[in-house]
């Protein structure tokens, strides 16, 4: 299987950002979130960081504001940890796939119960 450099950098960024958020960032708006995926452009200039807020008390807007305010700190930490020439600009997005999956499971359970009642 042939992996692009951007994919490898994205996976390393996902790991490092998750560690930084867990250990270093003290903003309560971003506590408890999960980094689900990082998509890095081929030129390594931008990285879309998808975060899951499932089970977090803060709203999606609050989480994104907290991440945006911590972005420069996160980039500085990544610069110290990784040996790459250019650290991508971090663009945070909310990943709703977990919530959609939970909702689909609830619908399937309801259909199963209705099928058993017939």
N, C-alpha and C. Protein backbone atom coordinates (compact mmCIF):
# COMPACT_ATOMS: atom_id res chain seq x y z
N UNK A 1 0.85 -1.17 0.00
CA UNK A 1 0.00 0.00 0.00
C UNK A 1 0.89 1.23 0.00
N UNK A 2 0.55 2.21 -0.81
CA UNK A 2 1.36 3.40 -0.98
C UNK A 2 0.74 4.57 -0.21
N UNK A 3 1.43 5.05 0.82
CA UNK A 3 0.94 6.17 1.61
C UNK A 3 1.65 7.44 1.19
N UNK A 4 0.89 8.52 1.09
CA UNK A 4 1.50 9.81 0.81
C UNK A 4 2.11 10.37 2.08
N UNK A 5 3.06 11.26 1.91
CA UNK A 5 3.70 11.89 3.07
C UNK A 5 2.66 12.65 3.89
N UNK A 6 1.72 13.29 3.21
CA UNK A 6 0.68 14.04 3.92
C UNK A 6 -0.13 13.14 4.85
N UNK A 7 -0.37 11.89 4.43
CA UNK A 7 -1.11 10.95 5.29
C UNK A 7 -0.30 10.60 6.53
N UNK A 8 0.99 10.37 6.35
CA UNK A 8 1.84 10.03 7.49
C UNK A 8 1.96 11.22 8.45
N UNK A 9 2.11 12.42 7.90
CA UNK A 9 2.19 13.61 8.74
C UNK A 9 0.85 13.82 9.46
N UNK A 10 -0.25 13.60 8.77
CA UNK A 10 -1.56 13.73 9.39
C UNK A 10 -1.76 12.80 10.57
N UNK A 11 -1.31 11.57 10.42
CA UNK A 11 -1.44 10.61 11.52
C UNK A 11 -0.57 11.01 12.71
N UNK A 12 0.63 11.48 12.43
CA UNK A 12 1.52 11.94 13.50
C UNK A 12 0.94 13.18 14.18
N UNK A 13 0.39 14.09 13.39
CA UNK A 13 -0.26 15.28 13.97
C UNK A 13 -1.43 14.90 14.86
N UNK A 14 -2.23 13.94 14.41
CA UNK A 14 -3.38 13.50 15.21
C UNK A 14 -2.92 13.01 16.58
N UNK A 15 -1.88 12.23 16.58
CA UNK A 15 -1.35 11.71 17.84
C UNK A 15 -0.82 12.83 18.72
N UNK A 16 -0.04 13.73 18.16
CA UNK A 16 0.58 14.81 18.94
C UNK A 16 -0.46 15.81 19.44
N UNK A 17 -1.42 16.18 18.60
CA UNK A 17 -2.45 17.14 19.02
C UNK A 17 -3.28 16.55 20.16
N UNK A 18 -3.64 15.28 20.05
CA UNK A 18 -4.41 14.64 21.12
C UNK A 18 -3.62 14.66 22.42
N UNK A 19 -2.32 14.37 22.36
CA UNK A 19 -1.48 14.37 23.55
C UNK A 19 -1.36 15.78 24.13
N UNK A 20 -1.19 16.77 23.27
CA UNK A 20 -1.07 18.16 23.74
C UNK A 20 -2.36 18.60 24.41
N UNK A 21 -3.49 18.29 23.80
CA UNK A 21 -4.78 18.68 24.40
C UNK A 21 -4.99 18.00 25.73
N UNK A 22 -4.58 16.76 25.84
CA UNK A 22 -4.78 16.00 27.07
C UNK A 22 -3.85 16.48 28.19
N UNK A 23 -2.59 16.75 27.86
CA UNK A 23 -1.59 17.03 28.88
C UNK A 23 -1.28 18.50 29.11
N UNK A 24 -1.40 19.34 28.09
CA UNK A 24 -0.88 20.70 28.20
C UNK A 24 -1.95 21.79 28.21
N UNK A 25 -3.00 21.64 27.41
CA UNK A 25 -4.02 22.69 27.30
C UNK A 25 -4.94 22.62 28.50
N UNK A 26 -5.08 23.73 29.21
CA UNK A 26 -5.88 23.77 30.44
C UNK A 26 -7.26 24.40 30.25
N UNK A 27 -7.61 24.75 29.03
CA UNK A 27 -8.90 25.37 28.74
C UNK A 27 -10.02 24.36 28.97
N UNK A 28 -10.96 24.64 29.87
CA UNK A 28 -12.04 23.68 30.15
C UNK A 28 -12.96 23.44 28.95
N UNK A 29 -12.97 24.36 27.99
CA UNK A 29 -13.83 24.17 26.81
C UNK A 29 -13.36 23.01 25.94
N UNK A 30 -12.09 22.66 26.01
CA UNK A 30 -11.57 21.60 25.14
C UNK A 30 -11.25 20.32 25.89
N UNK A 31 -11.60 20.25 27.15
CA UNK A 31 -11.33 19.01 27.89
C UNK A 31 -12.34 17.94 27.50
N UNK A 32 -11.85 16.74 27.30
CA UNK A 32 -12.72 15.62 26.99
C UNK A 32 -13.02 15.41 25.52
N UNK A 33 -12.48 16.22 24.64
CA UNK A 33 -12.73 16.02 23.21
C UNK A 33 -11.76 14.98 22.66
N UNK A 34 -12.12 14.41 21.52
CA UNK A 34 -11.27 13.43 20.85
C UNK A 34 -10.91 13.92 19.46
N UNK A 35 -9.68 13.68 19.06
CA UNK A 35 -9.26 13.99 17.70
C UNK A 35 -9.54 12.74 16.87
N UNK A 36 -10.46 12.84 15.92
CA UNK A 36 -10.84 11.66 15.14
C UNK A 36 -10.01 11.51 13.88
N UNK A 37 -9.62 12.62 13.26
CA UNK A 37 -8.88 12.54 12.01
C UNK A 37 -8.19 13.87 11.75
N UNK A 38 -7.07 13.80 11.02
CA UNK A 38 -6.38 15.00 10.56
C UNK A 38 -6.11 14.81 9.08
N UNK A 39 -6.62 15.73 8.26
CA UNK A 39 -6.39 15.70 6.82
C UNK A 39 -5.40 16.81 6.49
N UNK A 40 -4.25 16.44 5.96
CA UNK A 40 -3.21 17.41 5.62
C UNK A 40 -3.17 17.55 4.10
N UNK A 41 -3.08 18.79 3.62
CA UNK A 41 -2.95 19.01 2.19
C UNK A 41 -1.60 18.48 1.71
N UNK A 42 -1.52 18.20 0.41
CA UNK A 42 -0.30 17.62 -0.15
C UNK A 42 0.93 18.52 0.02
N UNK A 43 0.72 19.84 0.06
CA UNK A 43 1.86 20.75 0.23
C UNK A 43 2.17 20.99 1.72
N UNK A 44 1.46 20.31 2.63
CA UNK A 44 1.67 20.38 4.08
C UNK A 44 1.48 21.79 4.66
N UNK A 45 0.68 22.60 4.02
CA UNK A 45 0.44 23.96 4.52
C UNK A 45 -0.77 24.05 5.45
N UNK A 46 -1.76 23.22 5.23
CA UNK A 46 -2.99 23.27 6.02
C UNK A 46 -3.35 21.88 6.52
N UNK A 47 -3.92 21.83 7.69
CA UNK A 47 -4.39 20.57 8.26
C UNK A 47 -5.78 20.78 8.85
N UNK A 48 -6.75 20.02 8.35
CA UNK A 48 -8.08 20.02 8.95
C UNK A 48 -8.07 19.01 10.07
N UNK A 49 -8.36 19.48 11.27
CA UNK A 49 -8.37 18.63 12.45
C UNK A 49 -9.82 18.41 12.85
N UNK A 50 -10.28 17.17 12.73
CA UNK A 50 -11.66 16.83 13.06
C UNK A 50 -11.72 16.37 14.51
N UNK A 51 -12.61 17.01 15.27
CA UNK A 51 -12.74 16.70 16.70
C UNK A 51 -14.14 16.20 16.99
N UNK A 52 -14.21 15.23 17.90
CA UNK A 52 -15.49 14.71 18.34
C UNK A 52 -15.79 15.29 19.71
N UNK A 53 -16.99 15.83 19.84
CA UNK A 53 -17.39 16.43 21.11
C UNK A 53 -18.45 15.59 21.80
N UNK A 54 -18.56 14.33 21.42
CA UNK A 54 -19.59 13.45 21.99
C UNK A 54 -19.36 13.28 23.49
N UNK A 55 -20.37 13.60 24.28
CA UNK A 55 -20.27 13.46 25.73
C UNK A 55 -19.61 14.63 26.43
N UNK A 56 -19.32 15.72 25.71
CA UNK A 56 -18.68 16.90 26.29
C UNK A 56 -19.77 17.90 26.66
N UNK A 57 -19.61 18.53 27.81
CA UNK A 57 -20.63 19.47 28.29
C UNK A 57 -20.69 20.74 27.46
N UNK A 58 -19.55 21.20 26.91
CA UNK A 58 -19.51 22.44 26.15
C UNK A 58 -20.17 22.24 24.78
N UNK A 59 -20.71 23.33 24.23
CA UNK A 59 -21.31 23.26 22.90
C UNK A 59 -20.21 23.21 21.85
N UNK A 60 -20.59 22.83 20.64
CA UNK A 60 -19.62 22.76 19.55
C UNK A 60 -18.96 24.11 19.30
N UNK A 61 -19.73 25.18 19.40
CA UNK A 61 -19.19 26.52 19.16
C UNK A 61 -18.15 26.88 20.23
N UNK A 62 -18.44 26.54 21.48
CA UNK A 62 -17.49 26.82 22.56
C UNK A 62 -16.20 26.02 22.39
N UNK A 63 -16.34 24.76 21.99
CA UNK A 63 -15.16 23.92 21.77
C UNK A 63 -14.31 24.49 20.65
N UNK A 64 -14.94 24.89 19.55
CA UNK A 64 -14.19 25.46 18.43
C UNK A 64 -13.50 26.77 18.82
N UNK A 65 -14.16 27.60 19.63
CA UNK A 65 -13.52 28.83 20.10
C UNK A 65 -12.32 28.51 20.98
N UNK A 66 -12.45 27.52 21.85
CA UNK A 66 -11.33 27.12 22.70
C UNK A 66 -10.17 26.58 21.89
N UNK A 67 -10.47 25.78 20.87
CA UNK A 67 -9.41 25.24 20.02
C UNK A 67 -8.74 26.33 19.19
N UNK A 68 -9.55 27.26 18.71
CA UNK A 68 -8.98 28.36 17.92
C UNK A 68 -8.04 29.22 18.77
N UNK A 69 -8.42 29.44 20.02
CA UNK A 69 -7.56 30.24 20.89
C UNK A 69 -6.29 29.48 21.29
N UNK A 70 -6.35 28.16 21.28
CA UNK A 70 -5.18 27.36 21.65
C UNK A 70 -4.34 26.95 20.44
N UNK A 71 -4.76 27.29 19.23
CA UNK A 71 -4.10 26.82 18.01
C UNK A 71 -2.63 27.22 17.94
N UNK A 72 -2.31 28.45 18.28
CA UNK A 72 -0.91 28.88 18.19
C UNK A 72 -0.05 28.14 19.22
N UNK A 73 -0.59 27.89 20.41
CA UNK A 73 0.13 27.12 21.41
C UNK A 73 0.35 25.69 20.93
N UNK A 74 -0.68 25.10 20.34
CA UNK A 74 -0.57 23.73 19.84
C UNK A 74 0.48 23.65 18.74
N UNK A 75 0.47 24.61 17.82
CA UNK A 75 1.47 24.63 16.73
C UNK A 75 2.88 24.76 17.30
N UNK A 76 3.06 25.59 18.31
CA UNK A 76 4.38 25.75 18.92
C UNK A 76 4.85 24.45 19.57
N UNK A 77 3.94 23.75 20.23
CA UNK A 77 4.28 22.46 20.83
C UNK A 77 4.63 21.42 19.76
N UNK A 78 3.88 21.42 18.68
CA UNK A 78 4.16 20.49 17.59
C UNK A 78 5.53 20.78 16.99
N UNK A 79 5.86 22.06 16.88
CA UNK A 79 7.16 22.46 16.34
C UNK A 79 8.29 21.89 17.19
N UNK A 80 8.10 21.87 18.49
CA UNK A 80 9.12 21.33 19.39
C UNK A 80 9.22 19.81 19.28
N UNK A 81 8.10 19.15 19.00
CA UNK A 81 8.06 17.70 19.02
C UNK A 81 8.44 17.04 17.70
N UNK A 82 8.04 17.64 16.59
CA UNK A 82 8.23 17.02 15.28
C UNK A 82 9.39 17.67 14.53
N UNK A 83 10.08 16.87 13.77
CA UNK A 83 11.20 17.36 12.98
C UNK A 83 10.76 17.54 11.52
N UNK A 84 9.84 18.47 11.29
CA UNK A 84 9.43 18.78 9.93
C UNK A 84 9.65 20.26 9.68
N UNK A 85 9.90 20.59 8.43
CA UNK A 85 10.27 21.95 8.05
C UNK A 85 9.13 22.94 8.28
N UNK A 86 7.94 22.55 7.90
CA UNK A 86 6.79 23.46 7.99
C UNK A 86 5.68 22.80 8.80
N UNK A 87 5.22 23.51 9.80
CA UNK A 87 4.09 23.04 10.61
C UNK A 87 2.81 23.57 9.93
N UNK A 88 1.88 22.69 9.59
CA UNK A 88 0.66 23.14 8.91
C UNK A 88 -0.18 24.07 9.77
N UNK A 89 -0.92 24.93 9.11
CA UNK A 89 -1.91 25.77 9.77
C UNK A 89 -3.06 24.86 10.18
N UNK A 90 -3.48 24.94 11.44
CA UNK A 90 -4.51 24.04 11.97
C UNK A 90 -5.90 24.65 11.80
N UNK A 91 -6.78 23.90 11.17
CA UNK A 91 -8.17 24.31 10.97
C UNK A 91 -9.04 23.26 11.66
N UNK A 92 -9.73 23.67 12.71
CA UNK A 92 -10.51 22.73 13.50
C UNK A 92 -11.94 22.65 13.00
N UNK A 93 -12.45 21.42 12.89
CA UNK A 93 -13.82 21.14 12.45
C UNK A 93 -14.43 20.12 13.40
N UNK A 94 -15.72 20.22 13.62
CA UNK A 94 -16.43 19.27 14.47
C UNK A 94 -16.82 18.06 13.64
N UNK A 95 -16.49 16.87 14.13
CA UNK A 95 -16.83 15.61 13.47
C UNK A 95 -18.09 15.07 14.15
N UNK A 96 -19.16 14.97 13.40
CA UNK A 96 -20.44 14.52 13.97
C UNK A 96 -20.73 13.06 13.66
N UNK A 97 -19.75 12.33 13.16
CA UNK A 97 -19.99 10.94 12.76
C UNK A 97 -20.38 10.06 13.94
N UNK A 98 -19.83 10.30 15.11
CA UNK A 98 -20.18 9.47 16.27
C UNK A 98 -21.63 9.70 16.66
N UNK A 99 -22.06 10.97 16.70
CA UNK A 99 -23.45 11.27 17.02
C UNK A 99 -24.40 10.65 16.00
N UNK A 100 -24.02 10.72 14.70
CA UNK A 100 -24.86 10.11 13.66
C UNK A 100 -24.93 8.61 13.85
N UNK A 101 -23.81 7.99 14.19
CA UNK A 101 -23.78 6.55 14.42
C UNK A 101 -24.66 6.14 15.59
N UNK A 102 -24.61 6.92 16.67
CA UNK A 102 -25.45 6.63 17.83
C UNK A 102 -26.92 6.77 17.46
N UNK A 103 -27.23 7.80 16.70
CA UNK A 103 -28.62 8.02 16.29
C UNK A 103 -29.12 6.87 15.40
N UNK A 104 -28.28 6.41 14.48
CA UNK A 104 -28.66 5.29 13.62
C UNK A 104 -28.89 4.03 14.45
N UNK A 105 -28.03 3.79 15.43
CA UNK A 105 -28.20 2.63 16.30
C UNK A 105 -29.51 2.71 17.07
N UNK A 106 -29.87 3.91 17.54
CA UNK A 106 -31.14 4.08 18.25
C UNK A 106 -32.32 3.77 17.33
N UNK A 107 -32.25 4.24 16.10
CA UNK A 107 -33.33 3.98 15.13
C UNK A 107 -33.44 2.50 14.85
N UNK A 108 -32.30 1.84 14.67
CA UNK A 108 -32.32 0.39 14.42
C UNK A 108 -32.88 -0.38 15.60
N UNK A 109 -32.54 0.03 16.81
CA UNK A 109 -33.10 -0.62 18.00
C UNK A 109 -34.61 -0.43 18.08
N UNK A 110 -35.08 0.79 17.76
CA UNK A 110 -36.52 1.05 17.75
C UNK A 110 -37.22 0.17 16.72
N UNK A 111 -36.63 0.05 15.52
CA UNK A 111 -37.23 -0.79 14.48
C UNK A 111 -37.24 -2.26 14.91
N UNK A 112 -36.20 -2.68 15.58
CA UNK A 112 -36.13 -4.06 16.05
C UNK A 112 -37.22 -4.33 17.08
N UNK A 113 -37.42 -3.39 18.01
CA UNK A 113 -38.47 -3.55 19.01
C UNK A 113 -39.85 -3.56 18.37
N UNK A 114 -40.07 -2.69 17.40
CA UNK A 114 -41.36 -2.65 16.72
C UNK A 114 -41.59 -3.93 15.95
N UNK A 115 -40.54 -4.50 15.36
CA UNK A 115 -40.66 -5.76 14.61
C UNK A 115 -40.98 -6.91 15.53
N UNK A 116 -40.45 -6.90 16.74
CA UNK A 116 -40.74 -7.97 17.71
C UNK A 116 -42.16 -7.85 18.25
N UNK A 117 -42.68 -6.63 18.33
CA UNK A 117 -44.04 -6.42 18.83
C UNK A 117 -45.11 -6.89 17.84
N UNK A 118 -44.77 -6.99 16.58
CA UNK A 118 -45.76 -7.39 15.58
C UNK A 118 -46.01 -8.83 15.65
